[in-house]
Amino acid sequence: MGYRALSAQSQYQRFLALKPRLTDADVRYLVEVDGTNHYALVAATTSSPDWIIAVARFVRAADDPEAADFAIVVGDPYQGEGLGSELLELLADAAITRGIRHFRASALAENVAVRKLVRRLAGRLARERHFGPVDEFEVDLAA
């Protein structure tokens, strides 16, 4: 899944802004993971294992080493099939083993899929705040 393969709506929902292309700094940020403070999972199909169809990541918060911001993007043809849920569960497990106890996320208020993902992960939202078109979530990860 190249960025350009995502629909404009999926790009907007992932970055909370119109972003016609990724900058060099964006690309560096997305690919330079260390496996501890910046962790990413990718999904590929067996028919094209070199073609990424989804990515989930967390980045440990600088202000709280037990918290991390997370994001997930699933290629348009694969949305609604449970892939995001599966990746989020795996991401949460990886976070817990690295000492992270809370996930945080920002999403467009209209993004119902993210809200469902977060609620499924937590069983309930620990905190939810609304800032106009953007909602912020924080969930406590199960030990």
Protein backbone atom coordinates (compact mmCIF):
# COMPACT_ATOMS: atom_id res chain seq x y z
CA MET A 1 0.00 0.00 0.00
CA GLY A 2 1.74 3.08 -1.13
CA TYR A 3 0.42 6.31 0.30
CA ARG A 4 -0.90 7.25 -3.13
CA ALA A 5 -2.95 4.03 -3.22
CA LEU A 6 -5.04 5.29 -0.29
CA SER A 7 -8.17 7.22 -1.10
CA ALA A 8 -8.15 10.93 -0.26
CA GLN A 9 -10.60 10.13 2.57
CA SER A 10 -8.28 7.49 4.07
CA GLN A 11 -5.31 9.85 3.82
CA TYR A 12 -7.33 12.60 5.51
CA GLN A 13 -8.52 10.30 8.30
CA ARG A 14 -4.99 9.04 8.98
CA PHE A 15 -3.27 12.44 9.08
CA LEU A 16 -6.22 14.65 10.11
CA ALA A 17 -5.40 16.98 7.25
CA LEU A 18 -5.27 17.08 3.50
CA LYS A 19 -1.86 15.75 2.54
CA PRO A 20 -1.46 15.22 -1.20
CA ARG A 21 1.95 13.63 -0.70
CA LEU A 22 4.30 12.64 2.08
CA THR A 23 7.32 14.82 2.66
CA ASP A 24 10.79 13.37 3.12
CA ALA A 25 10.44 14.09 6.85
CA ASP A 26 7.10 12.20 6.91
CA VAL A 27 8.69 9.19 5.24
CA ARG A 28 11.64 9.20 7.64
CA TYR A 29 9.26 9.37 10.61
CA LEU A 30 7.16 6.50 9.28
CA VAL A 31 10.02 4.13 8.45
CA GLU A 32 12.57 4.85 11.18
CA VAL A 33 11.28 2.65 13.97
CA ASP A 34 13.40 1.39 16.86
CA GLY A 35 11.14 -1.43 18.07
CA THR A 36 10.87 0.00 21.58
CA ASN A 37 9.78 3.63 21.53
CA HIS A 38 8.55 3.62 17.95
CA TYR A 39 7.06 0.28 16.99
CA ALA A 40 5.23 -0.67 13.80
CA LEU A 41 3.40 -3.69 12.45
CA VAL A 42 2.62 -4.20 8.80
CA ALA A 43 0.20 -6.55 7.06
CA ALA A 44 0.70 -7.96 3.60
CA THR A 45 -1.16 -10.46 1.46
CA THR A 46 0.25 -13.89 0.70
CA SER A 47 -0.24 -13.22 -3.01
CA SER A 48 1.93 -10.08 -2.84
CA PRO A 49 3.99 -10.28 0.38
CA ASP A 50 6.02 -7.22 -0.60
CA TRP A 51 2.86 -5.08 -0.88
CA ILE A 52 1.76 -3.60 2.46
CA ILE A 53 -2.01 -3.45 2.95
CA ALA A 54 -2.09 -2.05 6.50
CA VAL A 55 0.17 -0.45 9.10
CA ALA A 56 -0.27 -0.01 12.85
CA ARG A 57 2.22 1.85 15.00
CA PHE A 58 2.78 3.39 18.38
CA VAL A 59 5.20 6.07 19.46
CA ARG A 60 6.01 6.40 23.16
CA ALA A 61 5.03 9.79 24.54
CA ALA A 62 7.91 12.06 25.50
CA ASP A 63 5.96 13.39 28.50
CA ASP A 64 4.94 9.96 29.87
CA PRO A 65 7.02 6.81 29.28
CA GLU A 66 4.00 4.63 30.12
CA ALA A 67 1.88 6.20 27.35
CA ALA A 68 2.06 5.98 23.58
CA ASP A 69 0.22 7.54 20.69
CA PHE A 70 -1.04 4.98 18.20
CA ALA A 71 -2.27 5.08 14.63
CA ILE A 72 -3.60 2.54 12.16
CA VAL A 73 -4.19 2.76 8.44
CA VAL A 74 -5.77 0.00 6.38
CA GLY A 75 -5.84 0.08 2.60
CA ASP A 76 -9.27 0.91 1.23
CA PRO A 77 -9.99 -2.53 -0.33
CA TYR A 78 -9.32 -4.20 3.06
CA GLN A 79 -11.29 -1.90 5.36
CA GLY A 80 -14.16 -3.40 7.31
CA GLU A 81 -12.69 -6.92 7.36
CA GLY A 82 -11.32 -6.88 10.92
CA LEU A 83 -7.71 -6.24 9.98
CA GLY A 84 -7.52 -3.00 11.97
CA SER A 85 -8.89 -4.76 15.07
CA GLU A 86 -6.38 -7.58 14.75
CA LEU A 87 -3.47 -5.18 14.30
CA LEU A 88 -4.57 -3.07 17.26
CA GLU A 89 -4.70 -6.13 19.53
CA LEU A 90 -1.19 -7.15 18.44
CA LEU A 91 0.02 -3.57 18.85
CA ALA A 92 -1.41 -3.40 22.38
CA ASP A 93 0.33 -6.68 23.30
CA ALA A 94 3.64 -5.33 21.98
CA ALA A 95 3.15 -2.08 23.89
CA ILE A 96 2.45 -3.85 27.17
CA THR A 97 5.63 -5.92 26.86
CA ARG A 98 7.53 -2.64 26.39
CA GLY A 99 6.14 -1.02 29.54
CA ILE A 100 3.38 1.02 27.93
CA ARG A 101 0.16 1.12 29.95
CA HIS A 102 -1.92 3.68 28.05
CA PHE A 103 -2.69 4.29 24.39
CA ARG A 104 -3.66 7.71 23.14
CA ALA A 105 -5.07 8.66 19.77
CA SER A 106 -6.53 11.61 17.93
CA ALA A 107 -9.14 11.01 15.25
CA LEU A 108 -11.68 12.91 13.27
CA ALA A 109 -14.95 13.01 15.18
CA GLU A 110 -16.66 11.53 12.11
CA ASN A 111 -14.34 8.49 12.07
CA VAL A 112 -16.68 5.90 13.56
CA ALA A 113 -14.35 3.01 12.70
CA VAL A 114 -11.58 4.32 14.99
CA ARG A 115 -14.02 4.87 17.84
CA LYS A 116 -15.20 1.25 17.49
CA LEU A 117 -11.59 0.01 17.42
CA VAL A 118 -10.69 1.89 20.59
CA ARG A 119 -13.80 0.72 22.44
CA ARG A 120 -13.18 -2.88 21.40
CA LEU A 121 -9.61 -2.66 22.68
CA ALA A 122 -10.47 -1.14 26.02
CA GLY A 123 -13.92 -2.52 26.68
CA ARG A 124 -14.61 1.09 27.56
CA LEU A 125 -12.89 4.40 26.98
CA ALA A 126 -10.83 5.60 29.88
CA ARG A 127 -11.02 9.18 28.62
CA GLU A 128 -12.55 10.84 25.60
CA ARG A 129 -12.38 14.54 24.78
CA HIS A 130 -13.94 16.44 21.92
CA PHE A 131 -12.26 19.38 20.22
CA GLY A 132 -14.53 20.38 17.37
CA PRO A 133 -13.80 18.08 14.44
CA VAL A 134 -11.17 16.08 16.37
CA ASP A 135 -11.65 13.65 19.25
CA GLU A 136 -8.89 12.49 21.57
CA PHE A 137 -8.96 9.09 23.24
CA GLU A 138 -6.94 7.51 25.99
CA VAL A 139 -7.36 3.89 27.01
CA ASP A 140 -5.74 1.85 29.71
CA LEU A 141 -4.21 -1.30 28.29
CA ALA A 142 -4.99 -4.55 30.05
CA ALA A 143 -2.05 -6.07 31.88
